Structures are given as structure tokens and as C-alpha cells.
Amino acid sequence: MRNLKHTALAALVVAGLSMGVARAEAPHAIVTPLTTQPLADYPGKEVTMITVDYPPGSVDPVHRHHAHAFVYVLEGSIVMQVKGGKEVTLTPGQTFYEGPNDVHTVGRNASATQPAKFVVVLLKDKGAPILVPEK
């Protein structure tokens, strides 16, 4: 009877661990606004510049920017893709473009162990959010 209790307890512990250990959520990107500048020659438009730090394993949700977005990789390696486009892996000095109608389907750090960082310049409607989650 004692062995049965130990076996049952062990089974409960294993089941509890396997059920209770939720899949670890990937770390979130850290977005740092650098500047926003209204464009007098383009009424209603502004340029916003941000840096994005991807911790190791970081993954973005599917989203859009409703802007012209110009990405320049500073360090590490990132993977980008827009709907209908091909997935690309970018390294320092490489660039990526997203148009105002693009849906950003893949945005992630290519490494599970090394951070990555890039700068983004967005030409967008004045006051519009930088990122809009896609439903």
C-alpha cells in the first residue's frame, strides 16, 4: 500500500509539473523612442525614430505600422518577413523595408543566446501609433 501511495504521489507530481509548466513566453522587445519630427513640407506627416532591442529569443506579435518603416540592423541577427514576402535574416549593416499596407508576420531575434538591436525610421501620419497589433 505504501508503494502504491508513493507511485500515485510521484505520478501526480509529474502530471502537475507537465501541466503546470506553461510554455515559457518569449521575452518582449524593448522599444526606445529617439525622436519624432513633424514634416512641414508634408502636412499631417511626421518621422519617428526608435531603437528596438531584442533579448535572446525575442519574438514580435503579428502587426502593422501603417507607415513607411526603414529598418537598419545595429547588432546581432534578426529575422523579418511581411505577408506575401519571403523570410530574411539580417545582420549588422543590412536593411529591411515595410510599406504602410504591409502586415509584419515575422519579427524575431535569430539567436536564442545573443541579443540583437536595430533602429527603425517611420514615416507616418502625425500622432499615429508606431505599431498596431494585427488581429
N, C-alpha and C. Protein backbone atom coordinates (compact mmCIF):
# COMPACT_ATOMS: atom_id res chain seq x y z
N MET A 1 0.83 -1.19 0.00
CA MET A 1 0.00 0.00 0.00
C MET A 1 0.87 1.25 0.00
N ARG A 2 1.96 1.19 0.74
CA ARG A 2 2.86 2.34 0.82
C ARG A 2 3.47 2.63 -0.55
N ASN A 3 3.88 1.57 -1.27
CA ASN A 3 4.44 1.76 -2.61
C ASN A 3 3.41 2.35 -3.56
N LEU A 4 2.17 1.95 -3.41
CA LEU A 4 1.10 2.48 -4.25
C LEU A 4 0.92 3.98 -4.00
N LYS A 5 0.98 4.39 -2.71
CA LYS A 5 0.84 5.81 -2.39
C LYS A 5 2.01 6.61 -2.98
N HIS A 6 3.22 6.05 -2.88
CA HIS A 6 4.40 6.75 -3.42
C HIS A 6 4.31 6.84 -4.94
N THR A 7 3.86 5.77 -5.56
CA THR A 7 3.72 5.76 -7.02
C THR A 7 2.66 6.77 -7.44
N ALA A 8 1.54 6.79 -6.73
CA ALA A 8 0.47 7.74 -7.05
C ALA A 8 0.95 9.17 -6.83
N LEU A 9 1.68 9.41 -5.74
CA LEU A 9 2.19 10.74 -5.46
C LEU A 9 3.19 11.17 -6.54
N ALA A 10 4.06 10.26 -6.93
CA ALA A 10 5.04 10.57 -7.99
C ALA A 10 4.32 10.88 -9.29
N ALA A 11 3.29 10.12 -9.61
CA ALA A 11 2.53 10.36 -10.84
C ALA A 11 1.85 11.72 -10.80
N LEU A 12 1.31 12.09 -9.65
CA LEU A 12 0.67 13.40 -9.51
C LEU A 12 1.69 14.54 -9.66
N VAL A 13 2.86 14.35 -9.07
CA VAL A 13 3.90 15.38 -9.18
C VAL A 13 4.32 15.55 -10.63
N VAL A 14 4.56 14.45 -11.32
CA VAL A 14 4.96 14.51 -12.73
C VAL A 14 3.86 15.14 -13.57
N ALA A 15 2.61 14.73 -13.35
CA ALA A 15 1.49 15.29 -14.10
C ALA A 15 1.34 16.78 -13.80
N GLY A 16 1.48 17.13 -12.53
CA GLY A 16 1.36 18.53 -12.16
C GLY A 16 2.45 19.37 -12.78
N LEU A 17 3.66 18.85 -12.81
CA LEU A 17 4.76 19.58 -13.42
C LEU A 17 4.55 19.74 -14.92
N SER A 18 4.14 18.68 -15.57
CA SER A 18 3.97 18.78 -17.02
C SER A 18 2.78 19.66 -17.38
N MET A 19 1.74 19.67 -16.55
CA MET A 19 0.59 20.52 -16.82
C MET A 19 0.84 21.95 -16.33
N GLY A 20 1.54 22.07 -15.21
CA GLY A 20 1.73 23.36 -14.59
C GLY A 20 2.84 24.18 -15.20
N VAL A 21 3.73 23.56 -15.93
CA VAL A 21 4.81 24.30 -16.55
C VAL A 21 4.28 24.82 -17.87
N ALA A 22 3.86 26.04 -17.84
CA ALA A 22 3.36 26.65 -19.07
C ALA A 22 4.55 26.91 -19.97
N ARG A 23 4.29 26.88 -21.21
CA ARG A 23 5.34 27.19 -22.17
C ARG A 23 5.85 28.59 -21.89
N ALA A 24 7.14 28.71 -21.69
CA ALA A 24 7.71 30.00 -21.34
C ALA A 24 7.46 30.99 -22.47
N GLU A 25 6.96 32.15 -22.10
CA GLU A 25 6.69 33.20 -23.09
C GLU A 25 8.02 33.81 -23.51
N ALA A 26 8.16 34.05 -24.80
CA ALA A 26 9.37 34.67 -25.32
C ALA A 26 9.51 36.07 -24.74
N PRO A 27 10.74 36.52 -24.49
CA PRO A 27 10.92 37.87 -23.97
C PRO A 27 10.45 38.91 -24.97
N HIS A 28 9.95 40.01 -24.46
CA HIS A 28 9.45 41.09 -25.30
C HIS A 28 10.58 42.00 -25.78
N ALA A 29 10.38 42.58 -26.94
CA ALA A 29 11.31 43.58 -27.45
C ALA A 29 11.23 44.83 -26.58
N ILE A 30 12.34 45.54 -26.50
CA ILE A 30 12.39 46.79 -25.76
C ILE A 30 12.49 47.91 -26.79
N VAL A 31 11.45 48.73 -26.87
CA VAL A 31 11.38 49.82 -27.84
C VAL A 31 11.71 51.13 -27.14
N THR A 32 12.69 51.85 -27.70
CA THR A 32 13.10 53.13 -27.13
C THR A 32 12.87 54.24 -28.16
N PRO A 33 11.91 55.13 -27.91
CA PRO A 33 11.71 56.26 -28.83
C PRO A 33 12.94 57.18 -28.78
N LEU A 34 13.41 57.61 -29.94
CA LEU A 34 14.56 58.50 -30.03
C LEU A 34 14.14 59.93 -30.37
N THR A 35 13.28 60.07 -31.37
CA THR A 35 12.83 61.40 -31.77
C THR A 35 11.58 61.28 -32.64
N THR A 36 10.80 62.34 -32.62
CA THR A 36 9.67 62.49 -33.55
C THR A 36 9.74 63.91 -34.08
N GLN A 37 9.62 64.03 -35.39
CA GLN A 37 9.75 65.34 -36.03
C GLN A 37 8.62 65.53 -37.03
N PRO A 38 7.77 66.55 -36.82
CA PRO A 38 6.75 66.86 -37.83
C PRO A 38 7.45 67.30 -39.13
N LEU A 39 6.82 67.01 -40.25
CA LEU A 39 7.40 67.35 -41.55
C LEU A 39 6.58 68.49 -42.17
N ALA A 40 7.10 69.69 -42.08
CA ALA A 40 6.38 70.88 -42.56
C ALA A 40 6.04 70.78 -44.05
N ASP A 41 6.92 70.15 -44.83
CA ASP A 41 6.68 70.01 -46.27
C ASP A 41 5.63 68.95 -46.61
N TYR A 42 5.28 68.15 -45.61
CA TYR A 42 4.29 67.08 -45.80
C TYR A 42 3.25 67.20 -44.70
N PRO A 43 2.27 68.08 -44.87
CA PRO A 43 1.27 68.32 -43.82
C PRO A 43 0.62 67.02 -43.34
N GLY A 44 0.52 66.89 -42.02
CA GLY A 44 -0.10 65.72 -41.41
C GLY A 44 0.83 64.53 -41.27
N LYS A 45 2.09 64.68 -41.68
CA LYS A 45 3.05 63.57 -41.59
C LYS A 45 4.16 63.90 -40.60
N GLU A 46 4.77 62.87 -40.05
CA GLU A 46 5.92 63.02 -39.17
C GLU A 46 6.86 61.83 -39.33
N VAL A 47 8.09 62.02 -38.90
CA VAL A 47 9.07 60.95 -38.87
C VAL A 47 9.33 60.61 -37.41
N THR A 48 9.30 59.34 -37.09
CA THR A 48 9.63 58.86 -35.76
C THR A 48 10.78 57.88 -35.89
N MET A 49 11.77 58.02 -35.01
CA MET A 49 12.91 57.11 -34.99
C MET A 49 12.94 56.39 -33.64
N ILE A 50 13.10 55.07 -33.69
CA ILE A 50 13.14 54.24 -32.48
C ILE A 50 14.30 53.26 -32.58
N THR A 51 14.73 52.76 -31.43
CA THR A 51 15.59 51.58 -31.43
C THR A 51 14.77 50.43 -30.85
N VAL A 52 15.09 49.24 -31.32
CA VAL A 52 14.44 48.03 -30.82
C VAL A 52 15.54 47.09 -30.37
N ASP A 53 15.47 46.71 -29.10
CA ASP A 53 16.40 45.71 -28.55
C ASP A 53 15.64 44.41 -28.42
N TYR A 54 16.16 43.38 -29.08
CA TYR A 54 15.60 42.04 -28.97
C TYR A 54 16.47 41.24 -28.00
N PRO A 55 15.94 40.89 -26.82
CA PRO A 55 16.68 39.95 -25.98
C PRO A 55 16.78 38.60 -26.71
N PRO A 56 17.67 37.73 -26.29
CA PRO A 56 17.74 36.40 -26.92
C PRO A 56 16.36 35.73 -26.93
N GLY A 57 15.97 35.21 -28.08
CA GLY A 57 14.69 34.50 -28.21
C GLY A 57 13.47 35.39 -28.36
N SER A 58 13.66 36.69 -28.43
CA SER A 58 12.53 37.62 -28.53
C SER A 58 11.76 37.45 -29.84
N VAL A 59 10.43 37.53 -29.75
CA VAL A 59 9.54 37.38 -30.90
C VAL A 59 8.47 38.46 -30.85
N ASP A 60 8.23 39.13 -31.97
CA ASP A 60 7.17 40.12 -32.06
C ASP A 60 5.84 39.47 -32.41
N PRO A 61 4.73 40.05 -31.96
CA PRO A 61 3.42 39.58 -32.44
C PRO A 61 3.23 40.07 -33.88
N VAL A 62 2.30 39.45 -34.59
CA VAL A 62 1.96 39.91 -35.94
C VAL A 62 1.36 41.30 -35.79
N HIS A 63 1.84 42.24 -36.64
CA HIS A 63 1.41 43.63 -36.51
C HIS A 63 1.59 44.37 -37.83
N ARG A 64 1.19 45.63 -37.83
CA ARG A 64 1.45 46.53 -38.95
C ARG A 64 1.81 47.88 -38.37
N HIS A 65 2.38 48.71 -39.23
CA HIS A 65 2.80 50.03 -38.78
C HIS A 65 1.99 51.16 -39.40
N HIS A 66 1.27 50.92 -40.47
CA HIS A 66 0.57 51.99 -41.19
C HIS A 66 1.56 53.13 -41.46
N ALA A 67 2.76 52.77 -41.88
CA ALA A 67 3.84 53.73 -42.10
C ALA A 67 4.85 53.12 -43.07
N HIS A 68 5.68 53.98 -43.61
CA HIS A 68 6.87 53.50 -44.30
C HIS A 68 7.89 53.28 -43.19
N ALA A 69 8.36 52.04 -43.04
CA ALA A 69 9.29 51.70 -41.96
C ALA A 69 10.61 51.22 -42.57
N PHE A 70 11.69 51.90 -42.18
CA PHE A 70 13.03 51.57 -42.66
C PHE A 70 13.83 51.03 -41.48
N VAL A 71 14.26 49.78 -41.57
CA VAL A 71 14.97 49.09 -40.50
C VAL A 71 16.45 49.01 -40.86
N TYR A 72 17.31 49.28 -39.87
CA TYR A 72 18.76 49.16 -40.04
C TYR A 72 19.30 48.39 -38.84
N VAL A 73 19.92 47.24 -39.09
CA VAL A 73 20.41 46.38 -38.02
C VAL A 73 21.74 46.92 -37.48
N LEU A 74 21.79 47.10 -36.16
CA LEU A 74 22.99 47.60 -35.49
C LEU A 74 23.87 46.47 -34.96
N GLU A 75 23.22 45.46 -34.33
CA GLU A 75 23.98 44.34 -33.78
C GLU A 75 23.12 43.09 -33.73
N GLY A 76 23.78 41.95 -33.73
CA GLY A 76 23.07 40.68 -33.68
C GLY A 76 22.49 40.31 -35.04
N SER A 77 21.50 39.46 -35.00
CA SER A 77 20.88 38.95 -36.21
C SER A 77 19.37 38.87 -35.99
N ILE A 78 18.60 39.40 -36.94
CA ILE A 78 17.14 39.40 -36.81
C ILE A 78 16.51 38.75 -38.03
N VAL A 79 15.31 38.23 -37.84
CA VAL A 79 14.55 37.61 -38.92
C VAL A 79 13.30 38.45 -39.13
N MET A 80 13.04 38.83 -40.39
CA MET A 80 11.89 39.67 -40.73
C MET A 80 11.14 39.06 -41.91
N GLN A 81 9.84 39.32 -41.94
CA GLN A 81 9.01 38.92 -43.07
C GLN A 81 7.72 39.71 -43.04
N VAL A 82 7.26 40.12 -44.21
CA VAL A 82 5.93 40.71 -44.34
C VAL A 82 5.07 39.73 -45.13
N LYS A 83 3.77 39.82 -44.92
CA LYS A 83 2.83 38.92 -45.60
C LYS A 83 3.06 38.98 -47.11
N GLY A 84 3.23 37.79 -47.71
CA GLY A 84 3.46 37.69 -49.14
C GLY A 84 4.92 37.80 -49.53
N GLY A 85 5.77 38.17 -48.58
CA GLY A 85 7.21 38.28 -48.85
C GLY A 85 7.94 37.06 -48.32
N LYS A 86 9.24 37.01 -48.58
CA LYS A 86 10.00 35.88 -48.07
C LYS A 86 10.69 36.26 -46.77
N GLU A 87 10.89 35.28 -45.92
CA GLU A 87 11.57 35.48 -44.66
C GLU A 87 13.05 35.76 -44.94
N VAL A 88 13.59 36.80 -44.29
CA VAL A 88 15.00 37.15 -44.48
C VAL A 88 15.67 37.27 -43.12
N THR A 89 16.93 36.88 -43.07
CA THR A 89 17.75 37.03 -41.87
C THR A 89 18.73 38.16 -42.14
N LEU A 90 18.72 39.14 -41.26
CA LEU A 90 19.54 40.34 -41.43
C LEU A 90 20.61 40.42 -40.34
N THR A 91 21.77 40.92 -40.72
CA THR A 91 22.90 41.09 -39.81
C THR A 91 23.32 42.56 -39.82
N PRO A 92 24.23 42.96 -38.93
CA PRO A 92 24.60 44.38 -38.85
C PRO A 92 24.93 45.00 -40.20
N GLY A 93 24.35 46.20 -40.42
CA GLY A 93 24.56 46.93 -41.66
C GLY A 93 23.52 46.65 -42.72
N GLN A 94 22.68 45.64 -42.51
CA GLN A 94 21.66 45.31 -43.51
C GLN A 94 20.35 46.03 -43.17
N THR A 95 19.50 46.18 -44.19
CA THR A 95 18.26 46.93 -44.04
C THR A 95 17.05 46.11 -44.45
N PHE A 96 15.88 46.62 -44.03
CA PHE A 96 14.61 45.98 -44.35
C PHE A 96 13.58 47.10 -44.47
N TYR A 97 12.63 46.94 -45.38
CA TYR A 97 11.59 47.94 -45.59
C TYR A 97 10.21 47.32 -45.44
N GLU A 98 9.32 48.05 -44.79
CA GLU A 98 7.91 47.69 -44.70
C GLU A 98 7.09 48.88 -45.18
N GLY A 99 6.13 48.61 -46.03
CA GLY A 99 5.24 49.66 -46.51
C GLY A 99 4.04 49.85 -45.61
N PRO A 100 3.29 50.93 -45.81
CA PRO A 100 2.15 51.23 -44.94
C PRO A 100 1.04 50.19 -44.97
N ASN A 101 0.96 49.39 -46.02
CA ASN A 101 -0.08 48.35 -46.10
C ASN A 101 0.42 46.96 -45.76
N ASP A 102 1.70 46.84 -45.45
CA ASP A 102 2.28 45.53 -45.12
C ASP A 102 1.85 45.04 -43.75
N VAL A 103 1.68 43.73 -43.63
CA VAL A 103 1.45 43.08 -42.34
C VAL A 103 2.77 42.39 -42.00
N HIS A 104 3.33 42.76 -40.86
CA HIS A 104 4.62 42.22 -40.41
C HIS A 104 4.34 40.87 -39.74
N THR A 105 4.56 39.78 -40.47
CA THR A 105 4.22 38.45 -39.97
C THR A 105 5.33 37.80 -39.15
N VAL A 106 6.59 38.16 -39.42
CA VAL A 106 7.72 37.60 -38.67
C VAL A 106 8.65 38.74 -38.27
N GLY A 107 8.94 38.81 -36.99
CA GLY A 107 9.93 39.73 -36.45
C GLY A 107 10.49 39.08 -35.21
N ARG A 108 11.76 38.66 -35.27
CA ARG A 108 12.32 37.97 -34.11
C ARG A 108 13.84 38.02 -34.12
N ASN A 109 14.38 37.77 -32.96
CA ASN A 109 15.81 37.61 -32.83
C ASN A 109 16.16 36.24 -33.40
N ALA A 110 17.16 36.19 -34.26
CA ALA A 110 17.56 34.91 -34.86
C ALA A 110 18.29 34.03 -33.86
N SER A 111 18.71 34.60 -32.74
CA SER A 111 19.51 33.85 -31.76
C SER A 111 18.74 33.63 -30.46
N ALA A 112 18.91 32.47 -29.90
CA ALA A 112 18.34 32.17 -28.58
C ALA A 112 19.31 32.53 -27.47
N THR A 113 20.53 32.95 -27.83
CA THR A 113 21.55 33.23 -26.81
C THR A 113 22.15 34.62 -26.88
N GLN A 114 22.03 35.32 -28.02
CA GLN A 114 22.64 36.63 -28.18
C GLN A 114 21.57 37.70 -28.42
N PRO A 115 21.74 38.91 -27.87
CA PRO A 115 20.79 39.98 -28.14
C PRO A 115 20.97 40.53 -29.55
N ALA A 116 19.99 41.29 -30.00
CA ALA A 116 20.05 41.97 -31.29
C ALA A 116 19.47 43.36 -31.10
N LYS A 117 19.91 44.30 -31.94
CA LYS A 117 19.43 45.67 -31.84
C LYS A 117 19.35 46.28 -33.23
N PHE A 118 18.27 47.05 -33.45
CA PHE A 118 18.13 47.73 -34.73
C PHE A 118 17.43 49.07 -34.53
N VAL A 119 17.61 49.94 -35.50
CA VAL A 119 16.95 51.24 -35.49
C VAL A 119 15.88 51.21 -36.58
N VAL A 120 14.75 51.88 -36.31
CA VAL A 120 13.66 51.96 -37.27
C VAL A 120 13.30 53.43 -37.45
N VAL A 121 13.19 53.85 -38.71
CA VAL A 121 12.73 55.19 -39.05
C VAL A 121 11.37 55.01 -39.71
N LEU A 122 10.35 55.65 -39.12
CA LEU A 122 8.97 55.51 -39.62
C LEU A 122 8.46 56.84 -40.14
N LEU A 123 7.98 56.85 -41.37
CA LEU A 123 7.28 57.99 -41.94
C LEU A 123 5.80 57.66 -41.82
N LYS A 124 5.10 58.42 -40.96
CA LYS A 124 3.72 58.04 -40.63
C LYS A 124 2.83 59.27 -40.47
N ASP A 125 1.53 59.01 -40.31
CA ASP A 125 0.60 60.09 -40.02
C ASP A 125 0.91 60.66 -38.65
N LYS A 126 0.81 61.97 -38.54
CA LYS A 126 1.11 62.66 -37.29
C LYS A 126 0.24 62.12 -36.16
N GLY A 127 0.88 61.72 -35.06
CA GLY A 127 0.16 61.22 -33.89
C GLY A 127 -0.27 59.76 -33.97
N ALA A 128 -0.08 59.10 -35.11
CA ALA A 128 -0.49 57.70 -35.25
C ALA A 128 0.42 56.81 -34.40
N PRO A 129 -0.10 55.67 -33.91
CA PRO A 129 0.74 54.77 -33.11
C PRO A 129 1.85 54.18 -33.97
N ILE A 130 2.93 53.80 -33.31
CA ILE A 130 4.07 53.19 -34.00
C ILE A 130 3.71 51.79 -34.50
N LEU A 131 2.95 51.06 -33.70
CA LEU A 131 2.65 49.66 -34.01
C LEU A 131 1.18 49.39 -33.72
N VAL A 132 0.53 48.64 -34.61
CA VAL A 132 -0.85 48.24 -34.42
C VAL A 132 -0.91 46.72 -34.51
N PRO A 133 -1.29 46.02 -33.40
CA PRO A 133 -1.39 44.56 -33.46
C PRO A 133 -2.40 44.14 -34.53
N GLU A 134 -2.07 43.08 -35.23
CA GLU A 134 -2.96 42.53 -36.26
C GLU A 134 -3.81 41.44 -35.60
N LYS A 135 -5.09 41.49 -35.82
CA LYS A 135 -5.99 40.52 -35.19
C LYS A 135 -6.18 39.30 -36.01
